[in-house]
Amino acid sequence: MGVKSNPREAARLKRKVRIRKNMNGTEERPRMSVFRSEKHIYAQIVDDVQGITLVAASTLSPEYKEQEKPKGKVEGAKRVGEIVARKAIEKGISKVVFDRNGFIYHGRVQALADAARAAGLDF
């Protein structure tokens, strides 16, 4: 199912472009990008200057699967937020720019952001 057949996805991509033209992750303050699919949620911290991913976590990562299975997708998003924040702090990253990737700041995206903040990330 492509963008042409899904107007909601097309609208999200328009929002994403609009947001990203003013947002850039640097070495001092990298960008934390969130992607939400139907079943999973992914978060990665990116240095856009060098074009590299510094830290990544998702509902498919081994750290997530080692823990007990959460009750629902919002709880899973909270756990991914905690994991990505813990990994970032271990690498010496404490400040990030939050990129919601065109998704509305509600539900799973908000839960991931709140959990990352609670775990020590500053944004």
C-alpha atoms as a PDB file:
ATOM      1  CA  MET A   1       0.000   0.000   0.000  1.00  0.00           C
ATOM      2  CA  GLY A   2       1.759   3.116  -1.205  1.00  0.00           C
ATOM      3  CA  VAL A   3       1.456   6.751  -0.318  1.00  0.00           C
ATOM      4  CA  LYS A   4      -0.897   7.388  -3.245  1.00  0.00           C
ATOM      5  CA  SER A   5      -3.451   4.927  -1.890  1.00  0.00           C
ATOM      6  CA  ASN A   6      -3.242   6.126   1.719  1.00  0.00           C
ATOM      7  CA  PRO A   7      -4.073   9.809   2.287  1.00  0.00           C
ATOM      8  CA  ARG A   8      -3.232   9.610   6.011  1.00  0.00           C
ATOM      9  CA  GLU A   9       0.320   8.458   5.219  1.00  0.00           C
ATOM     10  CA  ALA A  10       0.650  11.189   2.594  1.00  0.00           C
ATOM     11  CA  ALA A  11      -0.439  13.799   5.166  1.00  0.00           C
ATOM     12  CA  ARG A  12       2.079  12.401   7.689  1.00  0.00           C
ATOM     13  CA  LEU A  13       4.892  12.648   5.150  1.00  0.00           C
ATOM     14  CA  LYS A  14       3.928  16.264   4.389  1.00  0.00           C
ATOM     15  CA  ARG A  15       4.090  17.055   8.118  1.00  0.00           C
ATOM     16  CA  LYS A  16       7.428  15.220   8.343  1.00  0.00           C
ATOM     17  CA  VAL A  17       8.974  17.343   5.566  1.00  0.00           C
ATOM     18  CA  ARG A  18       7.633  20.525   7.137  1.00  0.00           C
ATOM     19  CA  ILE A  19       9.092  19.623  10.534  1.00  0.00           C
ATOM     20  CA  ARG A  20      12.440  18.296   9.279  1.00  0.00           C
ATOM     21  CA  LYS A  21      13.366  21.372   7.229  1.00  0.00           C
ATOM     22  CA  ASN A  22      13.818  23.270  10.522  1.00  0.00           C
ATOM     23  CA  MET A  23      15.292  20.439  12.595  1.00  0.00           C
ATOM     24  CA  ASN A  24      18.788  19.015  12.401  1.00  0.00           C
ATOM     25  CA  GLY A  25      20.681  16.724  14.752  1.00  0.00           C
ATOM     26  CA  THR A  26      24.222  17.814  15.590  1.00  0.00           C
ATOM     27  CA  GLU A  27      27.024  16.090  17.451  1.00  0.00           C
ATOM     28  CA  GLU A  28      26.266  18.056  20.650  1.00  0.00           C
ATOM     29  CA  ARG A  29      22.487  17.623  20.356  1.00  0.00           C
ATOM     30  CA  PRO A  30      21.529  14.698  18.085  1.00  0.00           C
ATOM     31  CA  ARG A  31      18.014  14.058  16.782  1.00  0.00           C
ATOM     32  CA  MET A  32      15.841  11.358  18.362  1.00  0.00           C
ATOM     33  CA  SER A  33      13.604  10.046  15.586  1.00  0.00           C
ATOM     34  CA  VAL A  34      10.516   7.941  16.306  1.00  0.00           C
ATOM     35  CA  PHE A  35       8.733   5.677  13.847  1.00  0.00           C
ATOM     36  CA  ARG A  36       5.435   4.025  14.686  1.00  0.00           C
ATOM     37  CA  SER A  37       4.123   1.115  12.643  1.00  0.00           C
ATOM     38  CA  GLU A  38       0.953  -0.879  13.204  1.00  0.00           C
ATOM     39  CA  LYS A  39       2.643  -3.445  15.477  1.00  0.00           C
ATOM     40  CA  HIS A  40       5.979  -1.928  16.512  1.00  0.00           C
ATOM     41  CA  ILE A  41       7.656   1.319  17.517  1.00  0.00           C
ATOM     42  CA  TYR A  42      11.228   2.312  16.748  1.00  0.00           C
ATOM     43  CA  ALA A  43      13.438   5.082  18.153  1.00  0.00           C
ATOM     44  CA  GLN A  44      16.899   6.059  17.042  1.00  0.00           C
ATOM     45  CA  ILE A  45      19.267   8.865  17.925  1.00  0.00           C
ATOM     46  CA  VAL A  46      20.922  10.276  14.807  1.00  0.00           C
ATOM     47  CA  ASP A  47      23.807  12.646  14.141  1.00  0.00           C
ATOM     48  CA  ASP A  48      22.690  14.283  10.883  1.00  0.00           C
ATOM     49  CA  VAL A  49      26.029  16.041  10.306  1.00  0.00           C
ATOM     50  CA  GLN A  50      27.926  12.743  10.035  1.00  0.00           C
ATOM     51  CA  GLY A  51      24.853  10.816   8.869  1.00  0.00           C
ATOM     52  CA  ILE A  52      25.140   8.047  11.465  1.00  0.00           C
ATOM     53  CA  THR A  53      22.825   6.403  13.950  1.00  0.00           C
ATOM     54  CA  LEU A  54      24.321   6.634  17.426  1.00  0.00           C
ATOM     55  CA  VAL A  55      21.725   4.647  19.402  1.00  0.00           C
ATOM     56  CA  ALA A  56      18.669   2.623  18.392  1.00  0.00           C
ATOM     57  CA  ALA A  57      15.944   0.653  20.157  1.00  0.00           C
ATOM     58  CA  SER A  58      12.641  -0.858  19.157  1.00  0.00           C
ATOM     59  CA  THR A  59      10.077  -3.434  20.147  1.00  0.00           C
ATOM     60  CA  LEU A  60      12.142  -5.876  18.073  1.00  0.00           C
ATOM     61  CA  SER A  61      15.484  -5.254  19.826  1.00  0.00           C
ATOM     62  CA  PRO A  62      16.974  -7.942  22.102  1.00  0.00           C
ATOM     63  CA  GLU A  63      16.950  -5.657  25.180  1.00  0.00           C
ATOM     64  CA  TYR A  64      13.193  -5.279  24.793  1.00  0.00           C
ATOM     65  CA  LYS A  65      12.552  -8.984  24.302  1.00  0.00           C
ATOM     66  CA  GLU A  66      14.601  -9.961  27.380  1.00  0.00           C
ATOM     67  CA  GLN A  67      12.050  -8.240  29.607  1.00  0.00           C
ATOM     68  CA  GLU A  68       8.535  -9.410  30.415  1.00  0.00           C
ATOM     69  CA  LYS A  69       5.987  -8.798  27.643  1.00  0.00           C
ATOM     70  CA  PRO A  70       4.070  -5.526  28.263  1.00  0.00           C
ATOM     71  CA  LYS A  71       0.282  -5.204  28.297  1.00  0.00           C
ATOM     72  CA  GLY A  72      -0.326  -3.290  25.099  1.00  0.00           C
ATOM     73  CA  LYS A  73       1.440  -1.041  22.647  1.00  0.00           C
ATOM     74  CA  VAL A  74       1.593   2.081  24.858  1.00  0.00           C
ATOM     75  CA  GLU A  75       3.395   0.119  27.587  1.00  0.00           C
ATOM     76  CA  GLY A  76       5.753  -1.228  24.924  1.00  0.00           C
ATOM     77  CA  ALA A  77       6.472   2.310  23.733  1.00  0.00           C
ATOM     78  CA  LYS A  78       7.309   3.358  27.310  1.00  0.00           C
ATOM     79  CA  ARG A  79       9.771   0.498  27.565  1.00  0.00           C
ATOM     80  CA  VAL A  80      11.415   1.435  24.235  1.00  0.00           C
ATOM     81  CA  GLY A  81      11.764   5.027  25.504  1.00  0.00           C
ATOM     82  CA  GLU A  82      13.504   3.792  28.651  1.00  0.00           C
ATOM     83  CA  ILE A  83      15.838   1.530  26.653  1.00  0.00           C
ATOM     84  CA  VAL A  84      16.865   4.220  24.148  1.00  0.00           C
ATOM     85  CA  ALA A  85      17.448   6.738  26.965  1.00  0.00           C
ATOM     86  CA  ARG A  86      19.560   4.279  28.952  1.00  0.00           C
ATOM     87  CA  LYS A  87      21.679   3.441  25.892  1.00  0.00           C
ATOM     88  CA  ALA A  88      22.105   7.138  25.047  1.00  0.00           C
ATOM     89  CA  ILE A  89      23.232   8.049  28.561  1.00  0.00           C
ATOM     90  CA  GLU A  90      25.726   5.154  28.494  1.00  0.00           C
ATOM     91  CA  LYS A  91      27.181   6.689  25.306  1.00  0.00           C
ATOM     92  CA  GLY A  92      27.352  10.141  26.919  1.00  0.00           C
ATOM     93  CA  ILE A  93      24.331  11.653  25.153  1.00  0.00           C
ATOM     94  CA  SER A  94      22.055  13.593  27.488  1.00  0.00           C
ATOM     95  CA  LYS A  95      20.475  16.250  25.254  1.00  0.00           C
ATOM     96  CA  VAL A  96      18.542  15.443  22.088  1.00  0.00           C
ATOM     97  CA  VAL A  97      16.089  17.066  19.683  1.00  0.00           C
ATOM     98  CA  PHE A  98      12.803  15.135  19.519  1.00  0.00           C
ATOM     99  CA  ASP A  99      11.615  14.296  15.995  1.00  0.00           C
ATOM    100  CA  ARG A 100       8.100  12.860  16.021  1.00  0.00           C
ATOM    101  CA  ASN A 101       8.482  12.099  12.294  1.00  0.00           C
ATOM    102  CA  GLY A 102       5.118  13.630  11.366  1.00  0.00           C
ATOM    103  CA  PHE A 103       3.190  11.519  13.859  1.00  0.00           C
ATOM    104  CA  ILE A 104       0.786  13.303  16.193  1.00  0.00           C
ATOM    105  CA  TYR A 105       2.250  13.777  19.687  1.00  0.00           C
ATOM    106  CA  HIS A 106      -0.256  11.497  21.383  1.00  0.00           C
ATOM    107  CA  GLY A 107      -0.503   7.903  22.555  1.00  0.00           C
ATOM    108  CA  ARG A 108       2.545   5.780  21.800  1.00  0.00           C
ATOM    109  CA  VAL A 109       4.731   8.644  20.573  1.00  0.00           C
ATOM    110  CA  GLN A 110       3.988  10.666  23.709  1.00  0.00           C
ATOM    111  CA  ALA A 111       4.518   7.625  25.963  1.00  0.00           C
ATOM    112  CA  LEU A 112       7.935   6.967  24.407  1.00  0.00           C
ATOM    113  CA  ALA A 113       8.944  10.639  24.811  1.00  0.00           C
ATOM    114  CA  ASP A 114       7.765  10.826  28.427  1.00  0.00           C
ATOM    115  CA  ALA A 115       9.587   7.603  29.335  1.00  0.00           C
ATOM    116  CA  ALA A 116      12.812   8.833  27.693  1.00  0.00           C
ATOM    117  CA  ARG A 117      12.567  12.104  29.640  1.00  0.00           C
ATOM    118  CA  ALA A 118      11.923  10.231  32.889  1.00  0.00           C
ATOM    119  CA  ALA A 119      14.976   8.043  32.216  1.00  0.00           C
ATOM    120  CA  GLY A 120      17.223  11.103  31.951  1.00  0.00           C
ATOM    121  CA  LEU A 121      17.165  12.468  28.382  1.00  0.00           C
ATOM    122  CA  ASP A 122      16.734  16.221  28.053  1.00  0.00           C
ATOM    123  CA  PHE A 123      14.484  17.555  25.283  1.00  0.00           C
END
